[in-house]
Amino acid sequence: MFTSIVFDLISKIKGKTILCTKKINENIYTVQCGYVNFYIYHKNSCFICFDAGFNTKLIYRELNKLNIDPYNISQIFLTHSDYDHYDGIKIFANSKVHISKEEILMIKKGIHRPFGLNKKSKEIEQMYQINDGEIIQLEDIKIECILTPGHTYGSMSYLVDGKYLFLGDSCNIQYNEIKPLKKYINMNQNMHNISINKIKKINNVSMSFVGHSGYRIAND
């Protein structure tokens, strides 16, 4: 109970809306881990995570609500290496984990986020490295990797099946609009501003999802 109150307070201070664990549509689930959400994309027999949250006890509990076995998650696509988006990978024992090449280079160079927010673990360097513009086909799921730096130098967003965009902390969503993050949250504000414009120009996106402020439904 106390932990839940603390997480709610953090969210209110940040002015963000955290989603409860639920099924959003026929393909997408959101999982709440305190003050952050990660997302599961399910199509036919394939389960994919976009980010992995933190606090394994919470993750097990929330996945149980959805009747999803973490062993069935075959792939994890990390948007960046901040602890609250990354640390949950430890419970997905059967998953191949992807992260941007630029994020790994950032970590290898010893460039880290303030207050120890991003992981400095060597296991990140062992993950599958992905490049800007790379397209990954998993069964009949198409994933386009789009570099959106600024929050971290290697932040990556993912366009799935040409219509679902998973953005991590590359932006906020407020009043169903893409908005920039506060300057103090980003590693490079100029890069962040460029990425915001890049995100807004991605065509045919029906829904966009972020880590700390829910999702956006495209206007018709």
Protein backbone atom coordinates (compact mmCIF):
# COMPACT_ATOMS: atom_id res chain seq x y z
CA MET A 1 0.00 0.00 0.00
CA PHE A 2 2.77 2.46 0.96
CA THR A 3 4.67 1.73 -2.28
CA SER A 4 1.54 2.34 -4.32
CA ILE A 5 0.99 5.70 -2.60
CA VAL A 6 4.59 6.72 -3.29
CA PHE A 7 4.30 5.79 -6.99
CA ASP A 8 1.02 7.72 -7.30
CA LEU A 9 2.64 10.75 -5.68
CA ILE A 10 5.62 10.63 -8.06
CA SER A 11 3.27 10.46 -11.03
CA LYS A 12 1.22 13.42 -9.80
CA ILE A 13 4.33 15.51 -9.17
CA LYS A 14 5.52 14.75 -12.71
CA GLY A 15 2.06 15.55 -14.06
CA LYS A 16 1.82 12.21 -15.82
CA THR A 17 -0.87 9.58 -16.24
CA ILE A 18 0.15 5.98 -15.65
CA LEU A 19 -2.06 3.31 -17.16
CA CYS A 20 -3.38 0.43 -15.11
CA THR A 21 -2.43 -3.02 -16.35
CA LYS A 22 -4.97 -3.96 -19.01
CA LYS A 23 -5.63 -5.13 -22.55
CA ILE A 24 -5.81 -2.06 -24.79
CA ASN A 25 -6.92 -3.76 -27.99
CA GLU A 26 -6.73 -7.15 -29.67
CA ASN A 27 -2.94 -6.87 -30.05
CA ILE A 28 -1.67 -4.67 -27.23
CA TYR A 29 -1.44 -4.94 -23.45
CA THR A 30 0.00 -2.43 -21.03
CA VAL A 31 1.74 -3.44 -17.80
CA GLN A 32 2.06 -1.03 -14.91
CA CYS A 33 5.26 -1.05 -12.87
CA GLY A 34 4.83 1.70 -10.32
CA TYR A 35 5.27 4.96 -12.22
CA VAL A 36 6.07 3.45 -15.62
CA ASN A 37 4.31 1.32 -18.22
CA PHE A 38 5.73 -1.18 -20.66
CA TYR A 39 3.79 -2.78 -23.49
CA ILE A 40 3.23 -6.26 -24.86
CA TYR A 41 2.36 -6.83 -28.50
CA HIS A 42 0.63 -10.13 -29.24
CA LYS A 43 -0.13 -11.44 -32.69
CA ASN A 44 -0.89 -15.06 -33.48
CA SER A 45 1.65 -17.03 -31.41
CA CYS A 46 4.16 -14.21 -30.94
CA PHE A 47 4.52 -12.12 -27.75
CA ILE A 48 6.88 -9.12 -27.83
CA CYS A 49 7.71 -6.59 -25.12
CA PHE A 50 8.52 -2.96 -25.73
CA ASP A 51 10.59 -2.13 -22.65
CA ALA A 52 10.48 -4.35 -19.59
CA GLY A 53 9.71 -2.19 -16.55
CA PHE A 54 11.29 -2.75 -13.16
CA ASN A 55 10.54 -4.50 -9.86
CA THR A 56 10.19 -8.18 -10.66
CA LYS A 57 7.62 -8.80 -7.92
CA LEU A 58 5.33 -6.18 -9.44
CA ILE A 59 5.84 -7.51 -12.96
CA TYR A 60 4.96 -11.08 -11.99
CA ARG A 61 1.83 -9.83 -10.25
CA GLU A 62 0.70 -7.67 -13.17
CA LEU A 63 1.40 -10.33 -15.82
CA ASN A 64 -0.66 -12.75 -13.78
CA LYS A 65 -3.61 -10.36 -14.10
CA LEU A 66 -3.28 -10.68 -17.88
CA ASN A 67 -2.70 -14.45 -17.79
CA ILE A 68 0.60 -13.96 -19.63
CA ASP A 69 3.53 -16.24 -18.79
CA PRO A 70 6.84 -14.30 -18.97
CA TYR A 71 8.42 -17.38 -20.54
CA ASN A 72 6.20 -16.84 -23.60
CA ILE A 73 7.78 -13.44 -24.32
CA SER A 74 10.19 -14.19 -27.17
CA GLN A 75 11.59 -10.70 -27.85
CA ILE A 76 12.17 -7.49 -25.90
CA PHE A 77 12.83 -4.19 -27.65
CA LEU A 78 14.28 -1.62 -25.27
CA THR A 79 13.73 2.04 -26.03
CA HIS A 80 16.68 3.04 -23.82
CA SER A 81 18.70 1.92 -20.82
CA ASP A 82 17.06 3.75 -17.92
CA TYR A 83 16.54 1.46 -14.93
CA ASP A 84 12.75 1.72 -14.91
CA HIS A 85 12.52 0.59 -18.55
CA TYR A 86 15.24 -2.04 -18.45
CA ASP A 87 15.56 -3.88 -15.16
CA GLY A 88 12.62 -6.23 -15.66
CA ILE A 89 14.39 -8.19 -18.40
CA LYS A 90 15.68 -10.60 -15.74
CA ILE A 91 12.29 -12.37 -15.50
CA PHE A 92 11.97 -12.92 -19.26
CA ALA A 93 14.33 -15.87 -19.44
CA ASN A 94 13.30 -16.92 -22.95
CA SER A 95 13.65 -13.50 -24.58
CA LYS A 96 16.09 -12.06 -27.07
CA VAL A 97 16.78 -8.47 -26.00
CA HIS A 98 17.34 -5.66 -28.53
CA ILE A 99 18.74 -2.17 -27.92
CA SER A 100 20.11 0.53 -30.21
CA LYS A 101 23.74 0.49 -31.23
CA GLU A 102 24.01 4.14 -30.19
CA GLU A 103 22.81 3.36 -26.66
CA ILE A 104 25.49 0.71 -26.29
CA LEU A 105 28.13 3.11 -27.61
CA MET A 106 26.97 5.70 -25.08
CA ILE A 107 27.40 3.23 -22.23
CA LYS A 108 30.78 2.01 -23.47
CA LYS A 109 32.00 5.62 -23.54
CA GLY A 110 31.01 6.00 -19.89
CA ILE A 111 28.28 8.55 -20.62
CA HIS A 112 25.52 8.07 -18.08
CA ARG A 113 22.33 9.80 -17.06
CA PRO A 114 22.31 11.94 -13.90
CA PHE A 115 21.47 10.26 -10.59
CA GLY A 116 22.37 6.80 -11.91
CA LEU A 117 19.10 6.45 -13.80
CA ASN A 118 20.48 4.37 -16.64
CA LYS A 119 21.99 0.95 -16.24
CA LYS A 120 25.76 0.63 -16.40
CA SER A 121 25.65 -3.13 -16.62
CA LYS A 122 27.94 -5.05 -18.97
CA GLU A 123 25.00 -7.27 -19.92
CA ILE A 124 23.65 -4.39 -21.99
CA GLU A 125 26.74 -4.67 -24.19
CA GLN A 126 25.81 -8.30 -24.92
CA MET A 127 22.38 -7.47 -26.29
CA TYR A 128 21.42 -7.58 -29.95
CA GLN A 129 22.37 -4.21 -31.45
CA ILE A 130 19.93 -2.52 -33.81
CA ASN A 131 20.43 0.38 -36.20
CA ASP A 132 18.34 3.36 -37.20
CA GLY A 133 16.04 2.38 -40.06
CA GLU A 134 16.52 -1.35 -39.53
CA ILE A 135 13.44 -3.47 -40.23
CA ILE A 136 12.95 -6.67 -38.27
CA GLN A 137 10.41 -9.28 -39.36
CA LEU A 138 9.14 -11.65 -36.66
CA GLU A 139 6.71 -14.12 -38.20
CA ASP A 140 4.08 -11.74 -39.65
CA ILE A 141 5.03 -8.80 -37.41
CA LYS A 142 7.03 -5.97 -38.98
CA ILE A 143 9.10 -3.76 -36.66
CA GLU A 144 10.76 -0.60 -37.97
CA CYS A 145 13.49 0.81 -35.70
CA ILE A 146 13.58 4.62 -35.57
CA LEU A 147 16.35 6.43 -33.70
CA THR A 148 14.88 9.27 -31.58
CA PRO A 149 17.80 10.54 -29.44
CA GLY A 150 17.68 13.28 -26.86
CA HIS A 151 16.33 11.70 -23.71
CA THR A 152 19.36 9.44 -24.05
CA TYR A 153 21.82 9.47 -26.94
CA GLY A 154 20.60 6.12 -28.16
CA SER A 155 16.85 6.28 -27.56
CA MET A 156 15.03 4.14 -30.10
CA SER A 157 11.34 4.07 -31.06
CA TYR A 158 9.55 1.22 -32.81
CA LEU A 159 6.85 1.32 -35.48
CA VAL A 160 4.97 -1.98 -35.49
CA ASP A 161 2.97 -3.22 -38.46
CA GLY A 162 3.05 0.30 -39.84
CA LYS A 163 0.56 1.69 -37.32
CA TYR A 164 1.59 1.23 -33.67
CA LEU A 165 4.42 3.45 -32.41
CA PHE A 166 6.24 2.61 -29.15
CA LEU A 167 8.23 5.63 -27.96
CA GLY A 168 9.49 4.95 -24.43
CA ASP A 169 10.64 8.31 -23.06
CA SER A 170 11.23 9.99 -26.42
CA CYS A 171 8.26 12.29 -25.71
CA ASN A 172 5.23 12.84 -23.52
CA ILE A 173 1.59 12.60 -24.51
CA GLN A 174 -0.66 15.34 -23.19
CA TYR A 175 -4.25 15.92 -24.30
CA ASN A 176 -3.71 13.35 -27.06
CA GLU A 177 -0.77 15.29 -28.49
CA ILE A 178 2.96 14.56 -28.75
CA LYS A 179 4.84 16.91 -26.40
CA PRO A 180 8.52 17.35 -25.45
CA LEU A 181 9.91 16.29 -22.09
CA LYS A 182 11.20 18.77 -19.55
CA LYS A 183 14.75 19.91 -20.32
CA TYR A 184 16.24 18.57 -17.10
CA ILE A 185 15.11 15.04 -18.00
CA ASN A 186 17.03 14.90 -21.29
CA MET A 187 20.70 14.29 -22.02
CA ASN A 188 20.65 16.50 -25.14
CA GLN A 189 17.80 18.96 -25.57
CA ASN A 190 18.65 19.91 -29.17
CA MET A 191 18.56 16.24 -30.22
CA HIS A 192 15.30 15.85 -28.30
CA ASN A 193 13.65 18.73 -30.16
CA ILE A 194 14.73 17.27 -33.52
CA SER A 195 13.35 13.88 -32.49
CA ILE A 196 10.00 15.38 -31.51
CA ASN A 197 9.65 16.80 -35.02
CA LYS A 198 10.72 13.47 -36.50
CA ILE A 199 8.10 11.61 -34.45
CA LYS A 200 5.35 13.99 -35.53
CA LYS A 201 6.18 13.38 -39.20
CA ILE A 202 5.84 9.58 -39.06
CA ASN A 203 2.90 8.75 -41.30
CA ASN A 204 -0.12 6.48 -40.78
CA VAL A 205 0.34 5.97 -37.03
CA SER A 206 -2.97 5.01 -35.46
CA MET A 207 -1.73 4.76 -31.84
CA SER A 208 1.41 6.00 -30.06
CA PHE A 209 2.55 4.68 -26.67
CA VAL A 210 4.94 6.19 -24.10
CA GLY A 211 6.31 5.05 -20.78
CA HIS A 212 4.90 7.58 -18.36
CA SER A 213 1.88 9.28 -19.88
CA GLY A 214 -0.22 6.70 -21.63
CA TYR A 215 -1.05 6.61 -25.31
CA ARG A 216 -2.35 8.71 -28.17
CA ILE A 217 -5.04 7.78 -30.66
CA ALA A 218 -4.63 9.47 -34.03
CA ASN A 219 -7.32 11.89 -35.04
CA ASP A 220 -9.30 10.86 -38.10
